[in-house]
PDB file of N, CA and C in Angstrom:
ATOM      1  N   UNK A   1      17.107  -1.379   1.085  1.00  0.00           N
ATOM      2  CA  UNK A   1      16.008  -0.606   1.634  1.00  0.00           C
ATOM      3  C   UNK A   1      16.576   0.589   2.381  1.00  0.00           C
ATOM      4  N   UNK A   2      16.872   1.635   1.647  1.00  0.00           N
ATOM      5  CA  UNK A   2      17.443   2.842   2.233  1.00  0.00           C
ATOM      6  C   UNK A   2      16.792   4.063   1.595  1.00  0.00           C
ATOM      7  N   UNK A   3      16.739   5.196   2.311  1.00  0.00           N
ATOM      8  CA  UNK A   3      16.059   6.389   1.781  1.00  0.00           C
ATOM      9  C   UNK A   3      16.519   6.811   0.386  1.00  0.00           C
ATOM     10  N   UNK A   4      17.784   6.626   0.069  1.00  0.00           N
ATOM     11  CA  UNK A   4      18.249   7.046  -1.257  1.00  0.00           C
ATOM     12  C   UNK A   4      17.682   6.157  -2.371  1.00  0.00           C
ATOM     13  N   UNK A   5      17.091   5.032  -2.004  1.00  0.00           N
ATOM     14  CA  UNK A   5      16.487   4.139  -2.990  1.00  0.00           C
ATOM     15  C   UNK A   5      14.968   4.270  -3.037  1.00  0.00           C
ATOM     16  N   UNK A   6      14.390   5.134  -2.209  1.00  0.00           N
ATOM     17  CA  UNK A   6      12.937   5.289  -2.153  1.00  0.00           C
ATOM     18  C   UNK A   6      12.478   6.219  -3.261  1.00  0.00           C
ATOM     19  N   UNK A   7      12.106   5.660  -4.373  1.00  0.00           N
ATOM     20  CA  UNK A   7      11.544   6.449  -5.461  1.00  0.00           C
ATOM     21  C   UNK A   7      10.708   5.524  -6.338  1.00  0.00           C
ATOM     22  N   UNK A   8       9.780   6.113  -7.012  1.00  0.00           N
ATOM     23  CA  UNK A   8       8.946   5.334  -7.917  1.00  0.00           C
ATOM     24  C   UNK A   8       9.673   5.192  -9.237  1.00  0.00           C
ATOM     25  N   UNK A   9       9.486   4.066  -9.858  1.00  0.00           N
ATOM     26  CA  UNK A   9      10.151   3.844 -11.125  1.00  0.00           C
ATOM     27  C   UNK A   9       9.436   2.755 -11.899  1.00  0.00           C
ATOM     28  N   UNK A  10       9.464   2.859 -13.203  1.00  0.00           N
ATOM     29  CA  UNK A  10       8.941   1.768 -14.021  1.00  0.00           C
ATOM     30  C   UNK A  10      10.064   0.808 -14.382  1.00  0.00           C
ATOM     31  N   UNK A  11      11.283   1.161 -14.028  1.00  0.00           N
ATOM     32  CA  UNK A  11      12.432   0.298 -14.283  1.00  0.00           C
ATOM     33  C   UNK A  11      12.939  -0.255 -12.967  1.00  0.00           C
ATOM     34  N   UNK A  12      13.359  -1.489 -12.966  1.00  0.00           N
ATOM     35  CA  UNK A  12      13.954  -2.061 -11.771  1.00  0.00           C
ATOM     36  C   UNK A  12      14.890  -3.180 -12.183  1.00  0.00           C
ATOM     37  N   UNK A  13      15.843  -3.467 -11.323  1.00  0.00           N
ATOM     38  CA  UNK A  13      16.786  -4.541 -11.566  1.00  0.00           C
ATOM     39  C   UNK A  13      16.069  -5.863 -11.368  1.00  0.00           C
ATOM     40  N   UNK A  14      16.243  -6.775 -12.298  1.00  0.00           N
ATOM     41  CA  UNK A  14      15.584  -8.072 -12.191  1.00  0.00           C
ATOM     42  C   UNK A  14      16.496  -9.159 -12.740  1.00  0.00           C
ATOM     43  N   UNK A  15      16.510 -10.275 -12.072  1.00  0.00           N
ATOM     44  CA  UNK A  15      17.203 -11.451 -12.568  1.00  0.00           C
ATOM     45  C   UNK A  15      16.170 -12.252 -13.336  1.00  0.00           C
ATOM     46  N   UNK A  16      16.365 -12.388 -14.629  1.00  0.00           N
ATOM     47  CA  UNK A  16      15.329 -12.992 -15.483  1.00  0.00           C
ATOM     48  C   UNK A  16      15.015 -14.442 -15.133  1.00  0.00           C
ATOM     49  N   UNK A  17      15.966 -15.136 -14.569  1.00  0.00           N
ATOM     50  CA  UNK A  17      15.735 -16.544 -14.241  1.00  0.00           C
ATOM     51  C   UNK A  17      15.126 -16.740 -12.854  1.00  0.00           C
ATOM     52  N   UNK A  18      15.029 -15.665 -12.076  1.00  0.00           N
ATOM     53  CA  UNK A  18      14.491 -15.752 -10.718  1.00  0.00           C
ATOM     54  C   UNK A  18      13.404 -14.700 -10.529  1.00  0.00           C
ATOM     55  N   UNK A  19      12.164 -15.026 -10.857  1.00  0.00           N
ATOM     56  CA  UNK A  19      11.088 -14.035 -10.717  1.00  0.00           C
ATOM     57  C   UNK A  19      10.880 -13.633  -9.250  1.00  0.00           C
ATOM     58  N   UNK A  20      10.453 -12.415  -9.050  1.00  0.00           N
ATOM     59  CA  UNK A  20      10.176 -11.897  -7.712  1.00  0.00           C
ATOM     60  C   UNK A  20       8.820 -12.431  -7.266  1.00  0.00           C
ATOM     61  N   UNK A  21       8.797 -13.122  -6.133  1.00  0.00           N
ATOM     62  CA  UNK A  21       7.578 -13.797  -5.683  1.00  0.00           C
ATOM     63  C   UNK A  21       6.416 -12.820  -5.471  1.00  0.00           C
ATOM     64  N   UNK A  22       6.686 -11.666  -4.851  1.00  0.00           N
ATOM     65  CA  UNK A  22       5.632 -10.678  -4.592  1.00  0.00           C
ATOM     66  C   UNK A  22       5.022 -10.192  -5.905  1.00  0.00           C
ATOM     67  N   UNK A  23       5.870  -9.843  -6.864  1.00  0.00           N
ATOM     68  CA  UNK A  23       5.364  -9.334  -8.138  1.00  0.00           C
ATOM     69  C   UNK A  23       4.717 -10.427  -8.982  1.00  0.00           C
ATOM     70  N   UNK A  24       5.207 -11.640  -8.876  1.00  0.00           N
ATOM     71  CA  UNK A  24       4.592 -12.750  -9.610  1.00  0.00           C
ATOM     72  C   UNK A  24       3.165 -12.985  -9.135  1.00  0.00           C
ATOM     73  N   UNK A  25       2.948 -12.866  -7.846  1.00  0.00           N
ATOM     74  CA  UNK A  25       1.603 -13.031  -7.288  1.00  0.00           C
ATOM     75  C   UNK A  25       0.654 -11.978  -7.850  1.00  0.00           C
ATOM     76  N   UNK A  26       1.197 -10.800  -8.133  1.00  0.00           N
ATOM     77  CA  UNK A  26       0.384  -9.696  -8.665  1.00  0.00           C
ATOM     78  C   UNK A  26       0.365  -9.686 -10.192  1.00  0.00           C
ATOM     79  N   UNK A  27       0.715 -10.811 -10.802  1.00  0.00           N
ATOM     80  CA  UNK A  27       0.697 -10.991 -12.256  1.00  0.00           C
ATOM     81  C   UNK A  27       1.705 -10.136 -13.001  1.00  0.00           C
ATOM     82  N   UNK A  28       2.867  -9.940 -12.422  1.00  0.00           N
ATOM     83  CA  UNK A  28       3.937  -9.247 -13.140  1.00  0.00           C
ATOM     84  C   UNK A  28       4.326 -10.112 -14.339  1.00  0.00           C
ATOM     85  N   UNK A  29       4.458  -9.525 -15.511  1.00  0.00           N
ATOM     86  CA  UNK A  29       4.806 -10.330 -16.683  1.00  0.00           C
ATOM     87  C   UNK A  29       6.184 -10.973 -16.535  1.00  0.00           C
ATOM     88  N   UNK A  30       6.380 -12.074 -17.215  1.00  0.00           N
ATOM     89  CA  UNK A  30       7.666 -12.756 -17.232  1.00  0.00           C
ATOM     90  C   UNK A  30       8.672 -11.848 -17.936  1.00  0.00           C
ATOM     91  N   UNK A  31       9.747 -11.457 -17.260  1.00  0.00           N
ATOM     92  CA  UNK A  31      10.698 -10.521 -17.857  1.00  0.00           C
ATOM     93  C   UNK A  31      11.496 -11.113 -19.014  1.00  0.00           C
ATOM     94  N   UNK A  32      11.466 -12.424 -19.182  1.00  0.00           N
ATOM     95  CA  UNK A  32      12.201 -13.052 -20.273  1.00  0.00           C
ATOM     96  C   UNK A  32      11.424 -13.008 -21.583  1.00  0.00           C
ATOM     97  N   UNK A  33      10.153 -12.638 -21.535  1.00  0.00           N
ATOM     98  CA  UNK A  33       9.307 -12.614 -22.725  1.00  0.00           C
ATOM     99  C   UNK A  33       8.767 -11.218 -22.982  1.00  0.00           C
ATOM    100  N   UNK A  34       8.529 -10.909 -24.230  1.00  0.00           N
ATOM    101  CA  UNK A  34       7.875  -9.662 -24.603  1.00  0.00           C
ATOM    102  C   UNK A  34       6.416  -9.754 -24.181  1.00  0.00           C
ATOM    103  N   UNK A  35       5.934  -8.738 -23.481  1.00  0.00           N
ATOM    104  CA  UNK A  35       4.555  -8.734 -23.000  1.00  0.00           C
ATOM    105  C   UNK A  35       3.893  -7.424 -23.410  1.00  0.00           C
ATOM    106  N   UNK A  36       3.231  -7.400 -24.554  1.00  0.00           N
ATOM    107  CA  UNK A  36       2.618  -6.149 -25.016  1.00  0.00           C
ATOM    108  C   UNK A  36       1.407  -5.712 -24.209  1.00  0.00           C
ATOM    109  N   UNK A  37       0.722  -6.658 -23.551  1.00  0.00           N
ATOM    110  CA  UNK A  37      -0.442  -6.317 -22.742  1.00  0.00           C
ATOM    111  C   UNK A  37      -0.429  -7.180 -21.492  1.00  0.00           C
ATOM    112  N   UNK A  38      -0.782  -6.571 -20.358  1.00  0.00           N
ATOM    113  CA  UNK A  38      -0.796  -7.314 -19.104  1.00  0.00           C
ATOM    114  C   UNK A  38      -2.111  -8.058 -18.942  1.00  0.00           C
ATOM    115  N   UNK A  39      -2.035  -9.200 -18.301  1.00  0.00           N
ATOM    116  CA  UNK A  39      -3.211  -9.988 -17.991  1.00  0.00           C
ATOM    117  C   UNK A  39      -3.857  -9.368 -16.756  1.00  0.00           C
ATOM    118  N   UNK A  40      -5.177  -9.259 -16.764  1.00  0.00           N
ATOM    119  CA  UNK A  40      -5.895  -8.717 -15.611  1.00  0.00           C
ATOM    120  C   UNK A  40      -6.557  -9.857 -14.861  1.00  0.00           C
ATOM    121  N   UNK A  41      -6.138 -10.054 -13.631  1.00  0.00           N
ATOM    122  CA  UNK A  41      -6.776 -11.057 -12.794  1.00  0.00           C
ATOM    123  C   UNK A  41      -6.946 -10.488 -11.394  1.00  0.00           C
ATOM    124  N   UNK A  42      -7.872 -11.058 -10.675  1.00  0.00           N
ATOM    125  CA  UNK A  42      -8.068 -10.731  -9.271  1.00  0.00           C
ATOM    126  C   UNK A  42      -8.258 -12.047  -8.546  1.00  0.00           C
ATOM    127  N   UNK A  43      -7.368 -12.325  -7.606  1.00  0.00           N
ATOM    128  CA  UNK A  43      -7.449 -13.585  -6.880  1.00  0.00           C
ATOM    129  C   UNK A  43      -7.353 -13.324  -5.382  1.00  0.00           C
ATOM    130  N   UNK A  44      -7.790 -14.297  -4.625  1.00  0.00           N
ATOM    131  CA  UNK A  44      -7.685 -14.198  -3.164  1.00  0.00           C
ATOM    132  C   UNK A  44      -6.231 -14.136  -2.732  1.00  0.00           C
ATOM    133  N   UNK A  45      -5.358 -14.828  -3.454  1.00  0.00           N
ATOM    134  CA  UNK A  45      -3.936 -14.814  -3.118  1.00  0.00           C
ATOM    135  C   UNK A  45      -3.344 -13.406  -3.238  1.00  0.00           C
ATOM    136  N   UNK A  46      -3.803 -12.646  -4.216  1.00  0.00           N
ATOM    137  CA  UNK A  46      -3.328 -11.266  -4.364  1.00  0.00           C
ATOM    138  C   UNK A  46      -3.752 -10.426  -3.162  1.00  0.00           C
ATOM    139  N   UNK A  47      -4.975 -10.579  -2.733  1.00  0.00           N
ATOM    140  CA  UNK A  47      -5.469  -9.840  -1.576  1.00  0.00           C
ATOM    141  C   UNK A  47      -4.689 -10.201  -0.323  1.00  0.00           C
ATOM    142  N   UNK A  48      -4.471 -11.486  -0.117  1.00  0.00           N
ATOM    143  CA  UNK A  48      -3.708 -11.931   1.047  1.00  0.00           C
ATOM    144  C   UNK A  48      -2.268 -11.434   1.001  1.00  0.00           C
ATOM    145  N   UNK A  49      -1.685 -11.399  -0.181  1.00  0.00           N
ATOM    146  CA  UNK A  49      -0.319 -10.910  -0.329  1.00  0.00           C
ATOM    147  C   UNK A  49      -0.242  -9.427   0.013  1.00  0.00           C
ATOM    148  N   UNK A  50      -1.183  -8.642  -0.474  1.00  0.00           N
ATOM    149  CA  UNK A  50      -1.184  -7.211  -0.167  1.00  0.00           C
ATOM    150  C   UNK A  50      -1.414  -6.952   1.313  1.00  0.00           C
ATOM    151  N   UNK A  51      -2.139  -7.820   1.971  1.00  0.00           N
ATOM    152  CA  UNK A  51      -2.429  -7.634   3.390  1.00  0.00           C
ATOM    153  C   UNK A  51      -1.314  -8.128   4.301  1.00  0.00           C
ATOM    154  N   UNK A  52      -0.536  -9.115   3.860  1.00  0.00           N
ATOM    155  CA  UNK A  52       0.399  -9.773   4.764  1.00  0.00           C
ATOM    156  C   UNK A  52       1.859  -9.791   4.328  1.00  0.00           C
ATOM    157  N   UNK A  53       2.162  -9.312   3.145  1.00  0.00           N
ATOM    158  CA  UNK A  53       3.538  -9.326   2.664  1.00  0.00           C
ATOM    159  C   UNK A  53       4.412  -8.399   3.505  1.00  0.00           C
ATOM    160  N   UNK A  54       5.627  -8.822   3.768  1.00  0.00           N
ATOM    161  CA  UNK A  54       6.575  -8.042   4.584  1.00  0.00           C
ATOM    162  C   UNK A  54       6.744  -6.614   4.058  1.00  0.00           C
ATOM    163  N   UNK A  55       6.858  -6.454   2.740  1.00  0.00           N
ATOM    164  CA  UNK A  55       7.012  -5.127   2.136  1.00  0.00           C
ATOM    165  C   UNK A  55       5.795  -4.252   2.434  1.00  0.00           C
ATOM    166  N   UNK A  56       4.596  -4.814   2.276  1.00  0.00           N
ATOM    167  CA  UNK A  56       3.384  -4.035   2.510  1.00  0.00           C
ATOM    168  C   UNK A  56       3.230  -3.671   3.981  1.00  0.00           C
ATOM    169  N   UNK A  57       3.588  -4.586   4.879  1.00  0.00           N
ATOM    170  CA  UNK A  57       3.514  -4.288   6.310  1.00  0.00           C
ATOM    171  C   UNK A  57       4.496  -3.180   6.674  1.00  0.00           C
ATOM    172  N   UNK A  58       5.667  -3.204   6.071  1.00  0.00           N
ATOM    173  CA  UNK A  58       6.666  -2.167   6.326  1.00  0.00           C
ATOM    174  C   UNK A  58       6.169  -0.806   5.825  1.00  0.00           C
ATOM    175  N   UNK A  59       5.529  -0.800   4.659  1.00  0.00           N
ATOM    176  CA  UNK A  59       5.010   0.456   4.114  1.00  0.00           C
ATOM    177  C   UNK A  59       3.870   1.001   4.969  1.00  0.00           C
ATOM    178  N   UNK A  60       3.016   0.121   5.482  1.00  0.00           N
ATOM    179  CA  UNK A  60       1.930   0.555   6.373  1.00  0.00           C
ATOM    180  C   UNK A  60       2.506   1.150   7.646  1.00  0.00           C
ATOM    181  N   UNK A  61       3.563   0.525   8.177  1.00  0.00           N
ATOM    182  CA  UNK A  61       4.215   1.050   9.381  1.00  0.00           C
ATOM    183  C   UNK A  61       4.801   2.439   9.115  1.00  0.00           C
ATOM    184  N   UNK A  62       5.438   2.586   7.969  1.00  0.00           N
ATOM    185  CA  UNK A  62       6.035   3.890   7.617  1.00  0.00           C
ATOM    186  C   UNK A  62       4.973   4.955   7.400  1.00  0.00           C
ATOM    187  N   UNK A  63       3.865   4.580   6.781  1.00  0.00           N
ATOM    188  CA  UNK A  63       2.772   5.531   6.583  1.00  0.00           C
ATOM    189  C   UNK A  63       2.210   5.981   7.929  1.00  0.00           C
ATOM    190  N   UNK A  64       2.043   5.050   8.854  1.00  0.00           N
ATOM    191  CA  UNK A  64       1.535   5.389  10.191  1.00  0.00           C
ATOM    192  C   UNK A  64       2.506   6.318  10.922  1.00  0.00           C
ATOM    193  N   UNK A  65       3.790   6.011  10.849  1.00  0.00           N
ATOM    194  CA  UNK A  65       4.790   6.862  11.506  1.00  0.00           C
ATOM    195  C   UNK A  65       4.784   8.269  10.916  1.00  0.00           C
ATOM    196  N   UNK A  66       4.689   8.360   9.596  1.00  0.00           N
ATOM    197  CA  UNK A  66       4.681   9.678   8.944  1.00  0.00           C
ATOM    198  C   UNK A  66       3.430  10.466   9.316  1.00  0.00           C
ATOM    199  N   UNK A  67       2.277   9.816   9.308  1.00  0.00           N
ATOM    200  CA  UNK A  67       1.020  10.505   9.643  1.00  0.00           C
ATOM    201  C   UNK A  67       1.054  11.005  11.083  1.00  0.00           C
ATOM    202  N   UNK A  68       1.553  10.188  12.005  1.00  0.00           N
ATOM    203  CA  UNK A  68       1.652  10.619  13.409  1.00  0.00           C
ATOM    204  C   UNK A  68       2.643  11.755  13.566  1.00  0.00           C
ATOM    205  N   UNK A  69       3.742  11.697  12.852  1.00  0.00           N
ATOM    206  CA  UNK A  69       4.764  12.743  12.935  1.00  0.00           C
ATOM    207  C   UNK A  69       4.227  14.072  12.398  1.00  0.00           C
ATOM    208  N   UNK A  70       3.481  14.004  11.295  1.00  0.00           N
ATOM    209  CA  UNK A  70       3.000  15.224  10.643  1.00  0.00           C
ATOM    210  C   UNK A  70       1.729  15.789  11.273  1.00  0.00           C
ATOM    211  N   UNK A  71       0.904  14.925  11.892  1.00  0.00           N
ATOM    212  CA  UNK A  71      -0.392  15.403  12.376  1.00  0.00           C
ATOM    213  C   UNK A  71      -0.643  15.136  13.850  1.00  0.00           C
ATOM    214  N   UNK A  72       0.286  14.520  14.519  1.00  0.00           N
ATOM    215  CA  UNK A  72       0.035  14.163  15.905  1.00  0.00           C
ATOM    216  C   UNK A  72      -0.709  12.848  15.969  1.00  0.00           C
ATOM    217  N   UNK A  73      -1.657  12.722  16.854  1.00  0.00           N
ATOM    218  CA  UNK A  73      -2.389  11.462  16.994  1.00  0.00           C
ATOM    219  C   UNK A  73      -3.863  11.634  16.738  1.00  0.00           C
ATOM    220  N   UNK A  74      -4.610  10.611  17.044  1.00  0.00           N
ATOM    221  CA  UNK A  74      -6.065  10.654  16.945  1.00  0.00           C
ATOM    222  C   UNK A  74      -6.587  10.807  15.536  1.00  0.00           C
ATOM    223  N   UNK A  75      -7.726  11.479  15.427  1.00  0.00           N
ATOM    224  CA  UNK A  75      -8.382  11.632  14.131  1.00  0.00           C
ATOM    225  C   UNK A  75      -7.546  12.446  13.152  1.00  0.00           C
ATOM    226  N   UNK A  76      -6.755  13.384  13.643  1.00  0.00           N
ATOM    227  CA  UNK A  76      -5.897  14.179  12.751  1.00  0.00           C
ATOM    228  C   UNK A  76      -4.885  13.290  12.026  1.00  0.00           C
ATOM    229  N   UNK A  77      -4.325  12.306  12.726  1.00  0.00           N
ATOM    230  CA  UNK A  77      -3.379  11.385  12.098  1.00  0.00           C
ATOM    231  C   UNK A  77      -4.084  10.497  11.082  1.00  0.00           C
ATOM    232  N   UNK A  78      -5.313  10.087  11.398  1.00  0.00           N
ATOM    233  CA  UNK A  78      -6.094   9.280  10.456  1.00  0.00           C
ATOM    234  C   UNK A  78      -6.378  10.089   9.200  1.00  0.00           C
ATOM    235  N   UNK A  79      -6.796  11.343   9.376  1.00  0.00           N
ATOM    236  CA  UNK A  79      -7.056  12.210   8.220  1.00  0.00           C
ATOM    237  C   UNK A  79      -5.805  12.399   7.374  1.00  0.00           C
ATOM    238  N   UNK A  80      -4.653  12.563   8.026  1.00  0.00           N
ATOM    239  CA  UNK A  80      -3.395  12.741   7.292  1.00  0.00           C
ATOM    240  C   UNK A  80      -3.030  11.471   6.538  1.00  0.00           C
ATOM    241  N   UNK A  81      -3.223  10.302   7.147  1.00  0.00           N
ATOM    242  CA  UNK A  81      -2.920   9.030   6.477  1.00  0.00           C
ATOM    243  C   UNK A  81      -3.802   8.851   5.244  1.00  0.00           C
ATOM    244  N   UNK A  82      -5.078   9.201   5.367  1.00  0.00           N
ATOM    245  CA  UNK A  82      -5.991   9.094   4.227  1.00  0.00           C
ATOM    246  C   UNK A  82      -5.566  10.059   3.126  1.00  0.00           C
ATOM    247  N   UNK A  83      -5.189  11.262   3.499  1.00  0.00           N
ATOM    248  CA  UNK A  83      -4.740  12.241   2.502  1.00  0.00           C
ATOM    249  C   UNK A  83      -3.478  11.752   1.779  1.00  0.00           C
ATOM    250  N   UNK A  84      -2.562  11.158   2.507  1.00  0.00           N
ATOM    251  CA  UNK A  84      -1.335  10.653   1.888  1.00  0.00           C
ATOM    252  C   UNK A  84      -1.615   9.457   0.981  1.00  0.00           C
ATOM    253  N   UNK A  85      -2.490   8.566   1.406  1.00  0.00           N
ATOM    254  CA  UNK A  85      -2.770   7.357   0.630  1.00  0.00           C
ATOM    255  C   UNK A  85      -3.640   7.627  -0.591  1.00  0.00           C
ATOM    256  N   UNK A  86      -4.654   8.464  -0.437  1.00  0.00           N
ATOM    257  CA  UNK A  86      -5.632   8.662  -1.508  1.00  0.00           C
ATOM    258  C   UNK A  86      -5.476   9.986  -2.254  1.00  0.00           C
ATOM    259  N   UNK A  87      -4.602  10.858  -1.766  1.00  0.00           N
ATOM    260  CA  UNK A  87      -4.394  12.171  -2.385  1.00  0.00           C
ATOM    261  C   UNK A  87      -5.676  12.993  -2.419  1.00  0.00           C
ATOM    262  N   UNK A  88      -6.450  12.882  -1.343  1.00  0.00           N
ATOM    263  CA  UNK A  88      -7.668  13.682  -1.179  1.00  0.00           C
ATOM    264  C   UNK A  88      -7.977  13.747   0.310  1.00  0.00           C
ATOM    265  N   UNK A  89      -8.841  14.658   0.674  1.00  0.00           N
ATOM    266  CA  UNK A  89      -9.257  14.783   2.066  1.00  0.00           C
ATOM    267  C   UNK A  89     -10.197  13.645   2.441  1.00  0.00           C
ATOM    268  N   UNK A  90     -10.164  13.242   3.680  1.00  0.00           N
ATOM    269  CA  UNK A  90     -11.048  12.195   4.181  1.00  0.00           C
ATOM    270  C   UNK A  90     -12.458  12.733   4.341  1.00  0.00           C
ATOM    271  N   UNK A  91     -13.432  11.890   4.097  1.00  0.00           N
ATOM    272  CA  UNK A  91     -14.810  12.268   4.396  1.00  0.00           C
ATOM    273  C   UNK A  91     -15.005  12.151   5.903  1.00  0.00           C
ATOM    274  N   UNK A  92     -16.081  12.730   6.394  1.00  0.00           N
ATOM    275  CA  UNK A  92     -16.354  12.659   7.835  1.00  0.00           C
ATOM    276  C   UNK A  92     -16.521  11.214   8.293  1.00  0.00           C
ATOM    277  N   UNK A  93     -17.190  10.400   7.492  1.00  0.00           N
ATOM    278  CA  UNK A  93     -17.400   8.999   7.830  1.00  0.00           C
ATOM    279  C   UNK A  93     -16.098   8.212   7.848  1.00  0.00           C
ATOM    280  N   UNK A  94     -15.240   8.471   6.871  1.00  0.00           N
ATOM    281  CA  UNK A  94     -13.939   7.785   6.833  1.00  0.00           C
ATOM    282  C   UNK A  94     -13.083   8.151   8.032  1.00  0.00           C
ATOM    283  N   UNK A  95     -13.069   9.430   8.365  1.00  0.00           N
ATOM    284  CA  UNK A  95     -12.272   9.888   9.508  1.00  0.00           C
ATOM    285  C   UNK A  95     -12.795   9.291  10.805  1.00  0.00           C
ATOM    286  N   UNK A  96     -14.107   9.246  10.952  1.00  0.00           N
ATOM    287  CA  UNK A  96     -14.713   8.692  12.162  1.00  0.00           C
ATOM    288  C   UNK A  96     -14.421   7.190  12.274  1.00  0.00           C
ATOM    289  N   UNK A  97     -14.618   6.444  11.176  1.00  0.00           N
ATOM    290  CA  UNK A  97     -14.365   4.998  11.189  1.00  0.00           C
ATOM    291  C   UNK A  97     -12.883   4.710  11.417  1.00  0.00           C
ATOM    292  N   UNK A  98     -12.018   5.503  10.781  1.00  0.00           N
ATOM    293  CA  UNK A  98     -10.579   5.321  10.959  1.00  0.00           C
ATOM    294  C   UNK A  98     -10.139   5.613  12.385  1.00  0.00           C
ATOM    295  N   UNK A  99     -10.719   6.651  12.981  1.00  0.00           N
ATOM    296  CA  UNK A  99     -10.377   6.986  14.369  1.00  0.00           C
ATOM    297  C   UNK A  99     -10.823   5.881  15.329  1.00  0.00           C
ATOM    298  N   UNK A 100     -11.994   5.279  15.062  1.00  0.00           N
ATOM    299  CA  UNK A 100     -12.463   4.167  15.898  1.00  0.00           C
ATOM    300  C   UNK A 100     -11.519   2.969  15.782  1.00  0.00           C
ATOM    301  N   UNK A 101     -11.102   2.658  14.550  1.00  0.00           N
ATOM    302  CA  UNK A 101     -10.175   1.544  14.346  1.00  0.00           C
ATOM    303  C   UNK A 101      -8.830   1.831  15.003  1.00  0.00           C
ATOM    304  N   UNK A 102      -8.354   3.067  14.849  1.00  0.00           N
ATOM    305  CA  UNK A 102      -7.069   3.448  15.446  1.00  0.00           C
ATOM    306  C   UNK A 102      -7.128   3.383  16.972  1.00  0.00           C
ATOM    307  N   UNK A 103      -8.252   3.749  17.547  1.00  0.00           N
ATOM    308  CA  UNK A 103      -8.388   3.697  19.006  1.00  0.00           C
ATOM    309  C   UNK A 103      -8.308   2.262  19.516  1.00  0.00           C
ATOM    310  N   UNK A 104      -8.835   1.329  18.750  1.00  0.00           N
ATOM    311  CA  UNK A 104      -8.834  -0.062  19.180  1.00  0.00           C
ATOM    312  C   UNK A 104      -7.609  -0.853  18.765  1.00  0.00           C
ATOM    313  N   UNK A 105      -7.093  -0.588  17.558  1.00  0.00           N
ATOM    314  CA  UNK A 105      -6.015  -1.416  17.011  1.00  0.00           C
ATOM    315  C   UNK A 105      -4.754  -0.649  16.661  1.00  0.00           C
ATOM    316  N   UNK A 106      -4.803   0.690  16.727  1.00  0.00           N
ATOM    317  CA  UNK A 106      -3.637   1.508  16.406  1.00  0.00           C
ATOM    318  C   UNK A 106      -3.685   2.048  14.989  1.00  0.00           C
ATOM    319  N   UNK A 107      -2.908   3.090  14.745  1.00  0.00           N
ATOM    320  CA  UNK A 107      -2.883   3.732  13.428  1.00  0.00           C
ATOM    321  C   UNK A 107      -2.315   2.796  12.369  1.00  0.00           C
ATOM    322  N   UNK A 108      -1.443   1.883  12.759  1.00  0.00           N
ATOM    323  CA  UNK A 108      -0.897   0.905  11.813  1.00  0.00           C
ATOM    324  C   UNK A 108      -2.021   0.118  11.142  1.00  0.00           C
ATOM    325  N   UNK A 109      -3.027  -0.302  11.896  1.00  0.00           N
ATOM    326  CA  UNK A 109      -4.145  -1.066  11.331  1.00  0.00           C
ATOM    327  C   UNK A 109      -4.911  -0.233  10.311  1.00  0.00           C
ATOM    328  N   UNK A 110      -5.074   1.048  10.590  1.00  0.00           N
ATOM    329  CA  UNK A 110      -5.741   1.945   9.643  1.00  0.00           C
ATOM    330  C   UNK A 110      -4.925   2.041   8.358  1.00  0.00           C
ATOM    331  N   UNK A 111      -3.634   2.234   8.488  1.00  0.00           N
ATOM    332  CA  UNK A 111      -2.762   2.374   7.312  1.00  0.00           C
ATOM    333  C   UNK A 111      -2.699   1.087   6.507  1.00  0.00           C
ATOM    334  N   UNK A 112      -2.716  -0.028   7.184  1.00  0.00           N
ATOM    335  CA  UNK A 112      -2.730  -1.320   6.498  1.00  0.00           C
ATOM    336  C   UNK A 112      -4.005  -1.460   5.679  1.00  0.00           C
ATOM    337  N   UNK A 113      -5.128  -1.038   6.237  1.00  0.00           N
ATOM    338  CA  UNK A 113      -6.399  -1.082   5.511  1.00  0.00           C
ATOM    339  C   UNK A 113      -6.387  -0.116   4.329  1.00  0.00           C
ATOM    340  N   UNK A 114      -5.812   1.072   4.522  1.00  0.00           N
ATOM    341  CA  UNK A 114      -5.752   2.051   3.436  1.00  0.00           C
ATOM    342  C   UNK A 114      -4.968   1.521   2.247  1.00  0.00           C
ATOM    343  N   UNK A 115      -3.834   0.860   2.516  1.00  0.00           N
ATOM    344  CA  UNK A 115      -2.998   0.346   1.432  1.00  0.00           C
ATOM    345  C   UNK A 115      -3.629  -0.853   0.728  1.00  0.00           C
ATOM    346  N   UNK A 116      -4.699  -1.397   1.299  1.00  0.00           N
ATOM    347  CA  UNK A 116      -5.409  -2.507   0.677  1.00  0.00           C
ATOM    348  C   UNK A 116      -6.775  -2.093   0.136  1.00  0.00           C
ATOM    349  N   UNK A 117      -7.095  -0.831   0.238  1.00  0.00           N
ATOM    350  CA  UNK A 117      -8.387  -0.340  -0.252  1.00  0.00           C
ATOM    351  C   UNK A 117      -8.389  -0.285  -1.780  1.00  0.00           C
ATOM    352  N   UNK A 118      -9.538  -0.511  -2.383  1.00  0.00           N
ATOM    353  CA  UNK A 118      -9.652  -0.428  -3.840  1.00  0.00           C
ATOM    354  C   UNK A 118      -9.180   0.924  -4.368  1.00  0.00           C
ATOM    355  N   UNK A 119      -9.482   1.974  -3.641  1.00  0.00           N
ATOM    356  CA  UNK A 119      -9.092   3.318  -4.096  1.00  0.00           C
ATOM    357  C   UNK A 119      -7.590   3.480  -4.177  1.00  0.00           C
ATOM    358  N   UNK A 120      -6.857   2.788  -3.345  1.00  0.00           N
ATOM    359  CA  UNK A 120      -5.392   2.846  -3.379  1.00  0.00           C
ATOM    360  C   UNK A 120      -4.823   1.926  -4.447  1.00  0.00           C
ATOM    361  N   UNK A 121      -5.404   0.749  -4.586  1.00  0.00           N
ATOM    362  CA  UNK A 121      -4.865  -0.275  -5.474  1.00  0.00           C
ATOM    363  C   UNK A 121      -5.192  -0.007  -6.946  1.00  0.00           C
ATOM    364  N   UNK A 122      -6.384   0.533  -7.215  1.00  0.00           N
ATOM    365  CA  UNK A 122      -6.829   0.723  -8.602  1.00  0.00           C
ATOM    366  C   UNK A 122      -6.942   2.198  -8.950  1.00  0.00           C
ATOM    367  N   UNK A 123      -6.545   2.535 -10.157  1.00  0.00           N
ATOM    368  CA  UNK A 123      -6.681   3.911 -10.647  1.00  0.00           C
ATOM    369  C   UNK A 123      -7.959   3.981 -11.482  1.00  0.00           C
ATOM    370  N   UNK A 124      -8.836   4.904 -11.139  1.00  0.00           N
ATOM    371  CA  UNK A 124     -10.079   5.067 -11.905  1.00  0.00           C
ATOM    372  C   UNK A 124      -9.836   5.934 -13.116  1.00  0.00           C
TER     373      UNK A 124
END
């Protein structure tokens, strides 16, 4: 986990006999078998994993730190986090709700919610 390794990729190192628990929960195909089409499922375990997995919590923390660094605090940081997560500007309602959540629970809670939102998880 170092900056030189932070990049998106469709390729990754995998030990075929030891599946990755996080990816298995999200229905990652078995790397030992040819998988021409992925199975589509939605389970409560997937939602809980996205909300509580160490990797996801670390990414939410990093998103919050980046938004605060780039935009300062308050609603501006919430707007920046939404822009980074969704690649669009926040609506007035989203910014207001996010600022209320950030005031009570911190920007980390907002970022954690953003990374678990349908708009972030699914591509339309």
